[in-house]
């Protein structure tokens, strides 16, 4: 499969807060991050449908990266997680 990414991914150890009116609040781990989005590990959580726009806060061990949640859209499911794209 040819790589079609626009942005370089970087491994990360961030915690991600996901919010959406139809989903319960979730705090999960991000596997990687890029200028275009991130991959979030779901564990036993059910994946939101592709196309769902979530409000996301990203936290590192040093603190919250974004005080205000950013909009991110679910673009794919695989490898036990979801790919999110900044909207």
C-alpha atoms as a PDB file:
ATOM      1  CA  UNK A   1       0.000   0.000   0.000  1.00  0.00           C
ATOM      2  CA  UNK A   2       1.385   3.413  -0.959  1.00  0.00           C
ATOM      3  CA  UNK A   3       1.778   5.976   1.812  1.00  0.00           C
ATOM      4  CA  UNK A   4      -0.573   8.906   1.107  1.00  0.00           C
ATOM      5  CA  UNK A   5      -0.037  11.035   4.205  1.00  0.00           C
ATOM      6  CA  UNK A   6       0.400  14.790   3.863  1.00  0.00           C
ATOM      7  CA  UNK A   7       2.008  15.147   7.307  1.00  0.00           C
ATOM      8  CA  UNK A   8       4.775  13.306   9.121  1.00  0.00           C
ATOM      9  CA  UNK A   9       3.567  11.339  12.151  1.00  0.00           C
ATOM     10  CA  UNK A  10       5.372  11.479  15.476  1.00  0.00           C
ATOM     11  CA  UNK A  11       4.915   8.933  18.238  1.00  0.00           C
ATOM     12  CA  UNK A  12       3.470  10.509  21.357  1.00  0.00           C
ATOM     13  CA  UNK A  13       2.325   9.617  24.836  1.00  0.00           C
ATOM     14  CA  UNK A  14      -0.516  12.110  25.161  1.00  0.00           C
ATOM     15  CA  UNK A  15      -3.827  11.570  26.911  1.00  0.00           C
ATOM     16  CA  UNK A  16      -6.807  12.645  24.835  1.00  0.00           C
ATOM     17  CA  UNK A  17     -10.194  13.770  26.181  1.00  0.00           C
ATOM     18  CA  UNK A  18     -12.969  13.034  23.677  1.00  0.00           C
ATOM     19  CA  UNK A  19     -16.402  14.649  23.996  1.00  0.00           C
ATOM     20  CA  UNK A  20     -19.546  14.324  21.891  1.00  0.00           C
ATOM     21  CA  UNK A  21     -23.222  14.698  22.889  1.00  0.00           C
ATOM     22  CA  UNK A  22     -24.080  11.125  21.835  1.00  0.00           C
ATOM     23  CA  UNK A  23     -21.020   9.536  23.488  1.00  0.00           C
ATOM     24  CA  UNK A  24     -19.914   9.335  27.062  1.00  0.00           C
ATOM     25  CA  UNK A  25     -16.850  11.407  27.975  1.00  0.00           C
ATOM     26  CA  UNK A  26     -13.741   9.353  27.248  1.00  0.00           C
ATOM     27  CA  UNK A  27     -10.128   9.779  28.249  1.00  0.00           C
ATOM     28  CA  UNK A  28      -7.858   7.695  25.992  1.00  0.00           C
ATOM     29  CA  UNK A  29      -4.240   7.492  24.847  1.00  0.00           C
ATOM     30  CA  UNK A  30      -2.916   8.824  21.553  1.00  0.00           C
ATOM     31  CA  UNK A  31      -0.431   6.647  19.680  1.00  0.00           C
ATOM     32  CA  UNK A  32       0.815   9.274  17.253  1.00  0.00           C
ATOM     33  CA  UNK A  33       0.243  12.877  16.290  1.00  0.00           C
ATOM     34  CA  UNK A  34       0.797  14.992  13.183  1.00  0.00           C
ATOM     35  CA  UNK A  35      -0.140  18.442  11.903  1.00  0.00           C
ATOM     36  CA  UNK A  36      -3.204  16.819  10.304  1.00  0.00           C
ATOM     37  CA  UNK A  37      -4.503  14.696  13.160  1.00  0.00           C
ATOM     38  CA  UNK A  38      -3.838  11.782  15.486  1.00  0.00           C
ATOM     39  CA  UNK A  39      -4.466   8.109  16.098  1.00  0.00           C
ATOM     40  CA  UNK A  40      -6.227   7.297  19.374  1.00  0.00           C
ATOM     41  CA  UNK A  41      -6.213   3.837  20.973  1.00  0.00           C
ATOM     42  CA  UNK A  42      -9.736   2.742  21.943  1.00  0.00           C
ATOM     43  CA  UNK A  43      -9.092  -0.263  24.147  1.00  0.00           C
ATOM     44  CA  UNK A  44     -12.492  -1.733  25.077  1.00  0.00           C
ATOM     45  CA  UNK A  45     -14.380   1.416  23.964  1.00  0.00           C
ATOM     46  CA  UNK A  46     -16.689   1.372  20.954  1.00  0.00           C
ATOM     47  CA  UNK A  47     -15.499   3.453  17.997  1.00  0.00           C
ATOM     48  CA  UNK A  48     -17.552   6.513  17.086  1.00  0.00           C
ATOM     49  CA  UNK A  49     -18.902   6.294  13.525  1.00  0.00           C
ATOM     50  CA  UNK A  50     -16.713   7.594  10.694  1.00  0.00           C
ATOM     51  CA  UNK A  51     -17.592  11.223  10.047  1.00  0.00           C
ATOM     52  CA  UNK A  52     -18.374  12.005  13.699  1.00  0.00           C
ATOM     53  CA  UNK A  53     -16.931  15.337  14.827  1.00  0.00           C
ATOM     54  CA  UNK A  54     -15.619  15.251  18.397  1.00  0.00           C
ATOM     55  CA  UNK A  55     -14.388  17.967  20.736  1.00  0.00           C
ATOM     56  CA  UNK A  56     -10.850  17.015  21.782  1.00  0.00           C
ATOM     57  CA  UNK A  57      -8.404  18.161  24.459  1.00  0.00           C
ATOM     58  CA  UNK A  58      -4.820  16.900  24.370  1.00  0.00           C
ATOM     59  CA  UNK A  59      -2.831  16.503  27.592  1.00  0.00           C
ATOM     60  CA  UNK A  60       0.802  15.601  28.158  1.00  0.00           C
ATOM     61  CA  UNK A  61       2.513  14.844  31.429  1.00  0.00           C
ATOM     62  CA  UNK A  62       3.465  18.543  31.521  1.00  0.00           C
ATOM     63  CA  UNK A  63      -0.186  19.667  31.308  1.00  0.00           C
ATOM     64  CA  UNK A  64      -2.964  20.465  28.856  1.00  0.00           C
ATOM     65  CA  UNK A  65      -1.794  21.406  25.346  1.00  0.00           C
ATOM     66  CA  UNK A  66      -5.042  23.097  24.279  1.00  0.00           C
ATOM     67  CA  UNK A  67      -7.229  24.811  26.915  1.00  0.00           C
ATOM     68  CA  UNK A  68     -10.185  24.975  24.528  1.00  0.00           C
ATOM     69  CA  UNK A  69     -11.289  21.712  22.864  1.00  0.00           C
ATOM     70  CA  UNK A  70     -10.581  21.457  19.137  1.00  0.00           C
ATOM     71  CA  UNK A  71     -12.899  19.861  16.579  1.00  0.00           C
ATOM     72  CA  UNK A  72     -11.628  16.579  15.142  1.00  0.00           C
ATOM     73  CA  UNK A  73     -13.397  14.226  12.738  1.00  0.00           C
ATOM     74  CA  UNK A  74     -13.233  10.434  12.827  1.00  0.00           C
ATOM     75  CA  UNK A  75     -11.755   9.423   9.450  1.00  0.00           C
ATOM     76  CA  UNK A  76     -10.940   5.733   9.914  1.00  0.00           C
ATOM     77  CA  UNK A  77     -11.011   2.752  12.274  1.00  0.00           C
ATOM     78  CA  UNK A  78      -8.195   0.172  12.446  1.00  0.00           C
ATOM     79  CA  UNK A  79      -5.548  -1.400  14.669  1.00  0.00           C
ATOM     80  CA  UNK A  80      -7.725  -1.043  17.778  1.00  0.00           C
ATOM     81  CA  UNK A  81      -8.275   2.670  17.448  1.00  0.00           C
ATOM     82  CA  UNK A  82      -9.520   5.607  15.414  1.00  0.00           C
ATOM     83  CA  UNK A  83      -7.836   8.119  13.153  1.00  0.00           C
ATOM     84  CA  UNK A  84      -8.881  11.689  13.903  1.00  0.00           C
ATOM     85  CA  UNK A  85      -8.373  14.642  11.563  1.00  0.00           C
ATOM     86  CA  UNK A  86      -8.302  18.279  12.688  1.00  0.00           C
ATOM     87  CA  UNK A  87     -11.339  20.075  11.239  1.00  0.00           C
END
